[in-house]
PDB file of N, CA and C in Angstrom:
ATOM      1  N   MET A   1      19.702  64.265 128.048  1.00  0.00           N
ATOM      2  CA  MET A   1      20.684  63.366 128.695  1.00  0.00           C
ATOM      3  C   MET A   1      20.069  62.082 128.594  1.00  0.00           C
ATOM      4  N   ILE A   2      20.922  61.073 128.241  1.00  0.00           N
ATOM      5  CA  ILE A   2      20.667  59.638 128.094  1.00  0.00           C
ATOM      6  C   ILE A   2      21.284  58.771 128.997  1.00  0.00           C
ATOM      7  N   ASP A   3      20.607  57.915 129.866  1.00  0.00           N
ATOM      8  CA  ASP A   3      21.531  57.170 130.715  1.00  0.00           C
ATOM      9  C   ASP A   3      22.258  56.056 129.924  1.00  0.00           C
ATOM     10  N   LEU A   4      23.058  55.013 130.483  1.00  0.00           N
ATOM     11  CA  LEU A   4      23.638  54.342 130.155  1.00  0.00           C
ATOM     12  C   LEU A   4      23.098  53.054 129.422  1.00  0.00           C
ATOM     13  N   GLN A   5      21.954  52.982 129.658  1.00  0.00           N
ATOM     14  CA  GLN A   5      20.902  51.848 128.694  1.00  0.00           C
ATOM     15  C   GLN A   5      20.420  52.557 127.487  1.00  0.00           C
ATOM     16  N   GLY A   6      20.536  53.923 127.123  1.00  0.00           N
ATOM     17  CA  GLY A   6      19.930  54.634 126.311  1.00  0.00           C
ATOM     18  C   GLY A   6      18.372  55.147 126.703  1.00  0.00           C
ATOM     19  N   ASN A   7      18.069  55.122 127.774  1.00  0.00           N
ATOM     20  CA  ASN A   7      16.659  55.914 128.064  1.00  0.00           C
ATOM     21  C   ASN A   7      16.985  57.070 128.372  1.00  0.00           C
ATOM     22  N   PRO A   8      15.876  58.126 128.035  1.00  0.00           N
ATOM     23  CA  PRO A   8      16.217  59.545 128.208  1.00  0.00           C
ATOM     24  C   PRO A   8      16.019  59.862 129.705  1.00  0.00           C
ATOM     25  N   VAL A   9      16.888  60.716 130.253  1.00  0.00           N
ATOM     26  CA  VAL A   9      16.921  61.430 131.762  1.00  0.00           C
ATOM     27  C   VAL A   9      16.398  62.529 131.641  1.00  0.00           C
ATOM     28  N   ARG A  10      15.566  62.910 132.352  1.00  0.00           N
ATOM     29  CA  ARG A  10      14.986  64.329 132.331  1.00  0.00           C
ATOM     30  C   ARG A  10      15.959  65.081 133.204  1.00  0.00           C
ATOM     31  N   TRP A  11      16.188  66.238 132.698  1.00  0.00           N
ATOM     32  CA  TRP A  11      17.308  67.071 133.508  1.00  0.00           C
ATOM     33  C   TRP A  11      17.221  67.235 134.896  1.00  0.00           C
ATOM     34  N   LYS A  12      15.658  67.625 135.217  1.00  0.00           N
ATOM     35  CA  LYS A  12      15.338  67.619 136.684  1.00  0.00           C
ATOM     36  C   LYS A  12      15.378  66.610 137.513  1.00  0.00           C
ATOM     37  N   ASN A  13      15.523  65.079 136.949  1.00  0.00           N
ATOM     38  CA  ASN A  13      15.508  64.251 137.694  1.00  0.00           C
ATOM     39  C   ASN A  13      16.934  63.494 138.163  1.00  0.00           C
ATOM     40  N   SER A  14      17.980  64.092 137.696  1.00  0.00           N
ATOM     41  CA  SER A  14      19.231  63.819 137.943  1.00  0.00           C
ATOM     42  C   SER A  14      20.342  64.714 138.238  1.00  0.00           C
ATOM     43  N   ARG A  15      20.675  64.614 139.578  1.00  0.00           N
ATOM     44  CA  ARG A  15      21.626  65.694 140.044  1.00  0.00           C
ATOM     45  C   ARG A  15      22.976  65.866 139.238  1.00  0.00           C
ATOM     46  N   HIS A  16      23.317  64.863 138.366  1.00  0.00           N
ATOM     47  CA  HIS A  16      24.475  64.958 137.460  1.00  0.00           C
ATOM     48  C   HIS A  16      24.109  65.848 136.432  1.00  0.00           C
ATOM     49  N   ALA A  17      23.084  65.518 135.798  1.00  0.00           N
ATOM     50  CA  ALA A  17      22.708  66.343 134.698  1.00  0.00           C
ATOM     51  C   ALA A  17      22.413  67.805 134.873  1.00  0.00           C
ATOM     52  N   VAL A  18      21.805  67.922 136.194  1.00  0.00           N
ATOM     53  CA  VAL A  18      21.638  69.485 136.548  1.00  0.00           C
ATOM     54  C   VAL A  18      23.008  70.211 136.599  1.00  0.00           C
ATOM     55  N   ALA A  19      23.950  69.606 137.177  1.00  0.00           N
ATOM     56  CA  ALA A  19      25.223  70.019 137.484  1.00  0.00           C
ATOM     57  C   ALA A  19      25.877  70.354 136.369  1.00  0.00           C
ATOM     58  N   GLN A  20      25.734  69.508 135.072  1.00  0.00           N
ATOM     59  CA  GLN A  20      26.336  69.427 133.967  1.00  0.00           C
ATOM     60  C   GLN A  20      25.956  70.747 133.250  1.00  0.00           C
ATOM     61  N   ILE A  21      24.614  70.831 133.036  1.00  0.00           N
ATOM     62  CA  ILE A  21      23.907  72.039 132.583  1.00  0.00           C
ATOM     63  C   ILE A  21      24.259  73.250 133.084  1.00  0.00           C
ATOM     64  N   ARG A  22      24.377  73.268 134.528  1.00  0.00           N
ATOM     65  CA  ARG A  22      24.626  74.525 135.108  1.00  0.00           C
ATOM     66  C   ARG A  22      26.028  74.943 134.800  1.00  0.00           C
ATOM     67  N   HIS A  23      26.770  73.864 134.830  1.00  0.00           N
ATOM     68  CA  HIS A  23      28.185  74.200 134.493  1.00  0.00           C
ATOM     69  C   HIS A  23      28.416  74.784 132.991  1.00  0.00           C
ATOM     70  N   ALA A  24      27.696  74.175 132.037  1.00  0.00           N
ATOM     71  CA  ALA A  24      27.812  74.743 130.768  1.00  0.00           C
ATOM     72  C   ALA A  24      27.031  75.846 130.590  1.00  0.00           C
ATOM     73  N   CYS A  25      26.182  76.422 131.195  1.00  0.00           N
ATOM     74  CA  CYS A  25      25.445  77.740 131.126  1.00  0.00           C
ATOM     75  C   CYS A  25      26.426  78.892 131.838  1.00  0.00           C
ATOM     76  N   CYS A  26      27.112  78.300 132.970  1.00  0.00           N
ATOM     77  CA  CYS A  26      28.017  79.150 133.651  1.00  0.00           C
ATOM     78  C   CYS A  26      29.019  79.445 132.906  1.00  0.00           C
ATOM     79  N   ARG A  27      29.774  78.519 132.137  1.00  0.00           N
ATOM     80  CA  ARG A  27      31.102  78.651 131.241  1.00  0.00           C
ATOM     81  C   ARG A  27      30.545  79.534 129.953  1.00  0.00           C
ATOM     82  N   ALA A  28      29.482  79.252 129.446  1.00  0.00           N
ATOM     83  CA  ALA A  28      29.002  80.302 128.514  1.00  0.00           C
ATOM     84  C   ALA A  28      28.588  81.605 128.682  1.00  0.00           C
ATOM     85  N   SER A  29      28.369  81.988 129.831  1.00  0.00           N
ATOM     86  CA  SER A  29      27.967  83.112 130.454  1.00  0.00           C
ATOM     87  C   SER A  29      29.547  84.027 130.663  1.00  0.00           C
ATOM     88  N   GLU A  30      30.211  83.215 131.227  1.00  0.00           N
ATOM     89  CA  GLU A  30      31.647  83.710 131.797  1.00  0.00           C
ATOM     90  C   GLU A  30      32.385  83.954 130.192  1.00  0.00           C
ATOM     91  N   ARG A  31      32.522  83.038 129.594  1.00  0.00           N
ATOM     92  CA  ARG A  31      33.390  83.399 128.023  1.00  0.00           C
ATOM     93  C   ARG A  31      32.741  84.238 127.152  1.00  0.00           C
ATOM     94  N   TYR A  32      31.328  84.321 127.139  1.00  0.00           N
ATOM     95  CA  TYR A  32      30.866  85.043 125.891  1.00  0.00           C
ATOM     96  C   TYR A  32      30.404  86.283 126.485  1.00  0.00           C
ATOM     97  N   GLY A  33      30.049  86.612 127.728  1.00  0.00           N
ATOM     98  CA  GLY A  33      29.640  87.726 128.196  1.00  0.00           C
ATOM     99  C   GLY A  33      28.211  88.163 128.082  1.00  0.00           C
ATOM    100  N   PHE A  34      27.314  87.088 128.113  1.00  0.00           N
ATOM    101  CA  PHE A  34      25.944  87.223 128.002  1.00  0.00           C
ATOM    102  C   PHE A  34      25.218  86.254 128.821  1.00  0.00           C
ATOM    103  N   GLU A  35      24.015  86.563 129.199  1.00  0.00           N
ATOM    104  CA  GLU A  35      23.223  85.496 130.047  1.00  0.00           C
ATOM    105  C   GLU A  35      22.772  84.394 129.073  1.00  0.00           C
ATOM    106  N   PHE A  36      23.074  83.234 129.640  1.00  0.00           N
ATOM    107  CA  PHE A  36      22.966  82.135 128.809  1.00  0.00           C
ATOM    108  C   PHE A  36      21.935  81.201 129.715  1.00  0.00           C
ATOM    109  N   THR A  37      20.925  80.865 129.186  1.00  0.00           N
ATOM    110  CA  THR A  37      19.801  80.162 130.225  1.00  0.00           C
ATOM    111  C   THR A  37      19.828  78.905 129.865  1.00  0.00           C
ATOM    112  N   THR A  38      19.099  78.043 130.555  1.00  0.00           N
ATOM    113  CA  THR A  38      18.958  76.487 130.377  1.00  0.00           C
ATOM    114  C   THR A  38      18.064  76.374 129.106  1.00  0.00           C
ATOM    115  N   ASP A  39      17.171  77.382 128.927  1.00  0.00           N
ATOM    116  CA  ASP A  39      16.475  77.389 127.420  1.00  0.00           C
ATOM    117  C   ASP A  39      17.437  77.429 126.302  1.00  0.00           C
ATOM    118  N   ASP A  40      18.450  78.375 126.282  1.00  0.00           N
ATOM    119  CA  ASP A  40      19.403  78.487 125.433  1.00  0.00           C
ATOM    120  C   ASP A  40      20.095  77.092 125.343  1.00  0.00           C
ATOM    121  N   PHE A  41      20.443  76.540 126.254  1.00  0.00           N
ATOM    122  CA  PHE A  41      21.036  75.244 126.447  1.00  0.00           C
ATOM    123  C   PHE A  41      20.422  74.076 125.634  1.00  0.00           C
ATOM    124  N   GLU A  42      19.157  74.059 125.996  1.00  0.00           N
ATOM    125  CA  GLU A  42      18.260  73.326 125.298  1.00  0.00           C
ATOM    126  C   GLU A  42      18.143  73.278 123.853  1.00  0.00           C
ATOM    127  N   LYS A  43      18.135  74.511 123.448  1.00  0.00           N
ATOM    128  CA  LYS A  43      18.005  75.037 122.260  1.00  0.00           C
ATOM    129  C   LYS A  43      19.134  74.530 121.379  1.00  0.00           C
ATOM    130  N   ILE A  44      20.122  74.756 121.579  1.00  0.00           N
ATOM    131  CA  ILE A  44      21.557  74.335 121.047  1.00  0.00           C
ATOM    132  C   ILE A  44      21.631  72.875 121.241  1.00  0.00           C
ATOM    133  N   ARG A  45      21.154  71.966 122.278  1.00  0.00           N
ATOM    134  CA  ARG A  45      21.448  70.797 122.451  1.00  0.00           C
ATOM    135  C   ARG A  45      20.342  69.949 121.431  1.00  0.00           C
ATOM    136  N   SER A  46      19.069  70.446 121.212  1.00  0.00           N
ATOM    137  CA  SER A  46      18.158  70.018 120.440  1.00  0.00           C
ATOM    138  C   SER A  46      18.840  70.192 119.042  1.00  0.00           C
ATOM    139  N   ARG A  47      19.323  71.149 118.701  1.00  0.00           N
ATOM    140  CA  ARG A  47      19.944  71.400 117.197  1.00  0.00           C
ATOM    141  C   ARG A  47      21.258  70.342 117.114  1.00  0.00           C
ATOM    142  N   LEU A  48      21.720  70.140 117.990  1.00  0.00           N
ATOM    143  CA  LEU A  48      22.967  69.256 117.954  1.00  0.00           C
ATOM    144  C   LEU A  48      22.538  67.736 117.778  1.00  0.00           C
ATOM    145  N   ILE A  49      21.641  67.194 118.359  1.00  0.00           N
ATOM    146  CA  ILE A  49      20.991  66.022 118.178  1.00  0.00           C
ATOM    147  C   ILE A  49      20.495  65.786 116.875  1.00  0.00           C
ATOM    148  N   ALA A  50      19.657  66.852 116.383  1.00  0.00           N
ATOM    149  CA  ALA A  50      19.166  66.760 115.120  1.00  0.00           C
ATOM    150  C   ALA A  50      19.803  67.062 113.853  1.00  0.00           C
ATOM    151  N   GLN A  51      21.273  67.305 114.137  1.00  0.00           N
ATOM    152  CA  GLN A  51      22.432  67.591 113.231  1.00  0.00           C
ATOM    153  C   GLN A  51      22.480  67.105 112.071  1.00  0.00           C
ATOM    154  N   PHE A  52      22.156  65.622 112.057  1.00  0.00           N
ATOM    155  CA  PHE A  52      22.118  65.221 110.724  1.00  0.00           C
ATOM    156  C   PHE A  52      20.895  65.471 109.819  1.00  0.00           C
ATOM    157  N   LYS A  53      19.814  65.845 110.371  1.00  0.00           N
ATOM    158  CA  LYS A  53      18.512  66.380 109.437  1.00  0.00           C
ATOM    159  C   LYS A  53      18.753  67.580 108.845  1.00  0.00           C
ATOM    160  N   ASP A  54      19.158  68.679 109.667  1.00  0.00           N
ATOM    161  CA  ASP A  54      19.337  69.882 109.319  1.00  0.00           C
ATOM    162  C   ASP A  54      20.463  70.593 109.998  1.00  0.00           C
ATOM    163  N   GLN A  55      21.766  70.823 109.285  1.00  0.00           N
ATOM    164  CA  GLN A  55      22.997  71.423 109.853  1.00  0.00           C
ATOM    165  C   GLN A  55      23.301  72.681 109.820  1.00  0.00           C
ATOM    166  N   THR A  56      21.895  73.499 109.479  1.00  0.00           N
ATOM    167  CA  THR A  56      22.027  74.951 109.488  1.00  0.00           C
ATOM    168  C   THR A  56      22.647  75.546 110.706  1.00  0.00           C
ATOM    169  N   GLY A  57      23.717  76.237 110.853  1.00  0.00           N
ATOM    170  CA  GLY A  57      24.447  76.892 111.982  1.00  0.00           C
ATOM    171  C   GLY A  57      25.099  75.887 112.734  1.00  0.00           C
ATOM    172  N   ILE A  58      25.599  74.732 112.130  1.00  0.00           N
ATOM    173  CA  ILE A  58      26.286  73.944 112.998  1.00  0.00           C
ATOM    174  C   ILE A  58      27.431  73.381 112.094  1.00  0.00           C
ATOM    175  N   VAL A  59      28.631  73.561 112.715  1.00  0.00           N
ATOM    176  CA  VAL A  59      29.968  73.401 111.973  1.00  0.00           C
ATOM    177  C   VAL A  59      30.852  72.380 112.653  1.00  0.00           C
ATOM    178  N   PHE A  60      30.944  71.219 112.223  1.00  0.00           N
ATOM    179  CA  PHE A  60      31.939  70.185 112.795  1.00  0.00           C
ATOM    180  C   PHE A  60      33.221  70.597 112.944  1.00  0.00           C
ATOM    181  N   LEU A  61      33.951  70.625 114.038  1.00  0.00           N
ATOM    182  CA  LEU A  61      35.398  70.889 113.952  1.00  0.00           C
ATOM    183  C   LEU A  61      36.390  69.757 114.211  1.00  0.00           C
ATOM    184  N   ARG A  62      36.009  68.930 115.337  1.00  0.00           N
ATOM    185  CA  ARG A  62      36.915  67.771 115.492  1.00  0.00           C
ATOM    186  C   ARG A  62      36.145  66.739 116.343  1.00  0.00           C
ATOM    187  N   LYS A  63      36.840  65.319 116.404  1.00  0.00           N
ATOM    188  CA  LYS A  63      36.237  64.291 117.288  1.00  0.00           C
ATOM    189  C   LYS A  63      37.182  63.777 118.125  1.00  0.00           C
ATOM    190  N   ASP A  64      37.012  63.339 119.294  1.00  0.00           N
ATOM    191  CA  ASP A  64      37.929  62.633 120.255  1.00  0.00           C
ATOM    192  C   ASP A  64      37.118  61.610 120.617  1.00  0.00           C
ATOM    193  N   ARG A  65      37.659  60.632 121.467  1.00  0.00           N
ATOM    194  CA  ARG A  65      37.105  59.394 121.754  1.00  0.00           C
ATOM    195  C   ARG A  65      35.572  59.418 122.051  1.00  0.00           C
ATOM    196  N   GLU A  66      35.057  60.273 123.115  1.00  0.00           N
ATOM    197  CA  GLU A  66      33.634  60.022 123.356  1.00  0.00           C
ATOM    198  C   GLU A  66      32.987  61.434 123.149  1.00  0.00           C
ATOM    199  N   SER A  67      33.596  62.471 122.580  1.00  0.00           N
ATOM    200  CA  SER A  67      32.844  63.821 122.416  1.00  0.00           C
ATOM    201  C   SER A  67      33.327  64.388 120.850  1.00  0.00           C
ATOM    202  N   SER A  68      32.609  65.257 120.551  1.00  0.00           N
ATOM    203  CA  SER A  68      32.765  66.129 119.327  1.00  0.00           C
ATOM    204  C   SER A  68      32.757  67.475 119.558  1.00  0.00           C
ATOM    205  N   HIS A  69      33.582  68.093 118.779  1.00  0.00           N
ATOM    206  CA  HIS A  69      33.653  69.549 119.112  1.00  0.00           C
ATOM    207  C   HIS A  69      32.855  70.467 117.734  1.00  0.00           C
ATOM    208  N   PHE A  70      32.029  71.153 117.968  1.00  0.00           N
ATOM    209  CA  PHE A  70      31.352  72.101 117.052  1.00  0.00           C
ATOM    210  C   PHE A  70      31.434  73.438 117.042  1.00  0.00           C
ATOM    211  N   ALA A  71      30.996  74.118 116.320  1.00  0.00           N
ATOM    212  CA  ALA A  71      30.845  75.769 116.273  1.00  0.00           C
ATOM    213  C   ALA A  71      29.322  75.685 115.863  1.00  0.00           C
ATOM    214  N   VAL A  72      28.643  76.403 116.988  1.00  0.00           N
ATOM    215  CA  VAL A  72      26.996  76.645 116.735  1.00  0.00           C
ATOM    216  C   VAL A  72      26.820  78.052 116.857  1.00  0.00           C
ATOM    217  N   TRP A  73      26.031  78.347 115.606  1.00  0.00           N
ATOM    218  CA  TRP A  73      25.683  79.863 115.332  1.00  0.00           C
ATOM    219  C   TRP A  73      24.400  80.193 116.233  1.00  0.00           C
ATOM    220  N   HIS A  74      24.736  81.277 117.363  1.00  0.00           N
ATOM    221  CA  HIS A  74      23.555  81.356 118.386  1.00  0.00           C
ATOM    222  C   HIS A  74      23.907  82.748 118.694  1.00  0.00           C
ATOM    223  N   GLY A  75      22.908  83.564 118.909  1.00  0.00           N
ATOM    224  CA  GLY A  75      22.978  84.847 119.033  1.00  0.00           C
ATOM    225  C   GLY A  75      23.609  85.799 118.585  1.00  0.00           C
ATOM    226  N   GLY A  76      23.991  85.394 117.040  1.00  0.00           N
ATOM    227  CA  GLY A  76      24.586  86.131 116.170  1.00  0.00           C
ATOM    228  C   GLY A  76      26.346  85.939 116.361  1.00  0.00           C
ATOM    229  N   GLU A  77      26.541  84.830 116.710  1.00  0.00           N
ATOM    230  CA  GLU A  77      27.885  84.599 116.897  1.00  0.00           C
ATOM    231  C   GLU A  77      28.057  83.167 117.075  1.00  0.00           C
ATOM    232  N   TRP A  78      29.292  82.595 116.701  1.00  0.00           N
ATOM    233  CA  TRP A  78      29.804  81.464 116.593  1.00  0.00           C
ATOM    234  C   TRP A  78      30.256  80.876 118.030  1.00  0.00           C
ATOM    235  N   LEU A  79      29.605  79.828 118.631  1.00  0.00           N
ATOM    236  CA  LEU A  79      30.037  79.521 120.133  1.00  0.00           C
ATOM    237  C   LEU A  79      30.789  77.955 119.789  1.00  0.00           C
ATOM    238  N   PRO A  80      32.018  77.664 120.407  1.00  0.00           N
ATOM    239  CA  PRO A  80      32.630  76.536 120.250  1.00  0.00           C
ATOM    240  C   PRO A  80      32.092  75.727 121.469  1.00  0.00           C
ATOM    241  N   VAL A  81      31.669  74.517 120.889  1.00  0.00           N
ATOM    242  CA  VAL A  81      30.661  73.479 121.953  1.00  0.00           C
ATOM    243  C   VAL A  81      31.559  72.079 121.910  1.00  0.00           C
ATOM    244  N   VAL A  82      31.496  71.551 123.264  1.00  0.00           N
ATOM    245  CA  VAL A  82      31.847  70.117 123.276  1.00  0.00           C
ATOM    246  C   VAL A  82      30.715  69.541 123.445  1.00  0.00           C
ATOM    247  N   TYR A  83      30.407  68.390 122.733  1.00  0.00           N
ATOM    248  CA  TYR A  83      29.037  67.558 122.764  1.00  0.00           C
ATOM    249  C   TYR A  83      29.632  66.078 123.004  1.00  0.00           C
ATOM    250  N   ASN A  84      29.048  65.445 124.084  1.00  0.00           N
ATOM    251  CA  ASN A  84      29.240  64.174 124.465  1.00  0.00           C
ATOM    252  C   ASN A  84      28.082  63.354 123.552  1.00  0.00           C
ATOM    253  N   ARG A  85      28.679  62.339 122.704  1.00  0.00           N
ATOM    254  CA  ARG A  85      27.780  61.480 121.912  1.00  0.00           C
ATOM    255  C   ARG A  85      27.340  60.583 122.350  1.00  0.00           C
ATOM    256  N   ARG A  86      27.657  59.888 123.634  1.00  0.00           N
ATOM    257  CA  ARG A  86      27.383  58.870 124.297  1.00  0.00           C
ATOM    258  C   ARG A  86      26.011  59.575 125.128  1.00  0.00           C
ATOM    259  N   HIS A  87      26.259  60.405 125.796  1.00  0.00           N
ATOM    260  CA  HIS A  87      25.061  61.091 126.695  1.00  0.00           C
ATOM    261  C   HIS A  87      24.210  61.819 125.822  1.00  0.00           C
ATOM    262  N   LYS A  88      24.469  62.219 124.580  1.00  0.00           N
ATOM    263  CA  LYS A  88      23.689  63.235 124.006  1.00  0.00           C
ATOM    264  C   LYS A  88      23.416  64.371 124.699  1.00  0.00           C
ATOM    265  N   THR A  89      24.383  65.293 125.303  1.00  0.00           N
ATOM    266  CA  THR A  89      24.411  66.364 125.785  1.00  0.00           C
ATOM    267  C   THR A  89      25.614  67.201 125.612  1.00  0.00           C
ATOM    268  N   ILE A  90      25.459  68.581 125.982  1.00  0.00           N
ATOM    269  CA  ILE A  90      26.476  69.573 125.785  1.00  0.00           C
ATOM    270  C   ILE A  90      27.524  69.389 127.059  1.00  0.00           C
ATOM    271  N   VAL A  91      28.976  69.245 126.750  1.00  0.00           N
ATOM    272  CA  VAL A  91      29.828  69.025 128.066  1.00  0.00           C
ATOM    273  C   VAL A  91      29.985  70.524 128.520  1.00  0.00           C
ATOM    274  N   THR A  92      30.339  71.370 127.643  1.00  0.00           N
ATOM    275  CA  THR A  92      30.984  72.505 127.919  1.00  0.00           C
ATOM    276  C   THR A  92      30.970  73.637 126.782  1.00  0.00           C
ATOM    277  N   PHE A  93      31.262  74.669 127.050  1.00  0.00           N
ATOM    278  CA  PHE A  93      31.509  75.688 125.917  1.00  0.00           C
ATOM    279  C   PHE A  93      32.959  76.359 126.084  1.00  0.00           C
ATOM    280  N   LEU A  94      33.608  76.177 124.957  1.00  0.00           N
ATOM    281  CA  LEU A  94      35.037  76.529 124.935  1.00  0.00           C
ATOM    282  C   LEU A  94      35.237  78.177 124.755  1.00  0.00           C
ATOM    283  N   PRO A  95      36.409  78.785 125.335  1.00  0.00           N
ATOM    284  CA  PRO A  95      36.624  80.017 124.788  1.00  0.00           C
ATOM    285  C   PRO A  95      36.775  80.095 123.352  1.00  0.00           C
ATOM    286  N   LYS A  96      36.366  81.472 122.974  1.00  0.00           N
ATOM    287  CA  LYS A  96      36.229  81.535 121.373  1.00  0.00           C
ATOM    288  C   LYS A  96      37.422  81.472 120.547  1.00  0.00           C
ATOM    289  N   HIS A  97      38.905  81.554 121.388  1.00  0.00           N
ATOM    290  CA  HIS A  97      40.238  81.706 120.598  1.00  0.00           C
ATOM    291  C   HIS A  97      40.114  80.099 120.023  1.00  0.00           C
ATOM    292  N   VAL A  98      39.332  79.362 120.600  1.00  0.00           N
ATOM    293  CA  VAL A  98      39.393  77.834 119.955  1.00  0.00           C
ATOM    294  C   VAL A  98      39.092  77.930 118.466  1.00  0.00           C
ATOM    295  N   LEU A  99      38.168  78.705 117.961  1.00  0.00           N
ATOM    296  CA  LEU A  99      37.658  78.995 116.728  1.00  0.00           C
ATOM    297  C   LEU A  99      39.027  79.288 115.795  1.00  0.00           C
ATOM    298  N   ARG A 100      39.979  79.997 116.087  1.00  0.00           N
ATOM    299  CA  ARG A 100      41.204  80.420 115.276  1.00  0.00           C
ATOM    300  C   ARG A 100      41.744  79.224 114.493  1.00  0.00           C
ATOM    301  N   GLN A 101      41.790  77.984 115.361  1.00  0.00           N
ATOM    302  CA  GLN A 101      42.352  76.944 114.873  1.00  0.00           C
ATOM    303  C   GLN A 101      41.475  76.207 113.662  1.00  0.00           C
ATOM    304  N   HIS A 102      40.371  76.575 113.717  1.00  0.00           N
ATOM    305  CA  HIS A 102      39.291  75.906 112.584  1.00  0.00           C
ATOM    306  C   HIS A 102      38.725  76.925 111.484  1.00  0.00           C
ATOM    307  N   LYS A 103      39.348  78.143 111.697  1.00  0.00           N
ATOM    308  CA  LYS A 103      38.717  79.393 110.794  1.00  0.00           C
ATOM    309  C   LYS A 103      38.515  78.924 109.356  1.00  0.00           C
ATOM    310  N   GLU A 104      39.303  77.933 108.743  1.00  0.00           N
ATOM    311  CA  GLU A 104      38.949  77.414 107.563  1.00  0.00           C
ATOM    312  C   GLU A 104      37.716  76.592 107.321  1.00  0.00           C
ATOM    313  N   LYS A 105      37.052  76.253 108.330  1.00  0.00           N
ATOM    314  CA  LYS A 105      35.793  75.443 108.387  1.00  0.00           C
ATOM    315  C   LYS A 105      34.591  76.421 108.420  1.00  0.00           C
ATOM    316  N   LEU A 106      34.848  77.519 109.067  1.00  0.00           N
ATOM    317  CA  LEU A 106      33.636  78.591 109.450  1.00  0.00           C
ATOM    318  C   LEU A 106      33.316  79.450 108.239  1.00  0.00           C
ATOM    319  N   PRO A 107      32.054  79.559 107.777  1.00  0.00           N
ATOM    320  CA  PRO A 107      31.603  80.403 106.766  1.00  0.00           C
ATOM    321  C   PRO A 107      31.579  81.908 107.409  1.00  0.00           C
ATOM    322  N   TRP A 108      32.692  82.482 107.497  1.00  0.00           N
ATOM    323  CA  TRP A 108      32.889  84.046 108.027  1.00  0.00           C
ATOM    324  C   TRP A 108      32.126  84.918 106.954  1.00  0.00           C
TER     325      TRP A 108
END
């Protein structure tokens, strides 16, 4: 996570960052039915940050004012992710039915 001045914030140092990571991991576990850890969160977040270098397993779905929606290949399935570009972190994981709207973009 990055603060408003562009300085990296360690997730352990920010209550907001910890809450946001916990929220995203909880949503992923609820919606996809498998244990989603903070390590999984960091792996996907790192891949999203490096998306311009290596886009393997990442598909852009759409963009709004502050966030981008991606489908990320993780654990043998596509996961719809909302990524905040300003803070460079995952906001949440969306239900899988969202992918139906963008099925032409995914390499099934």
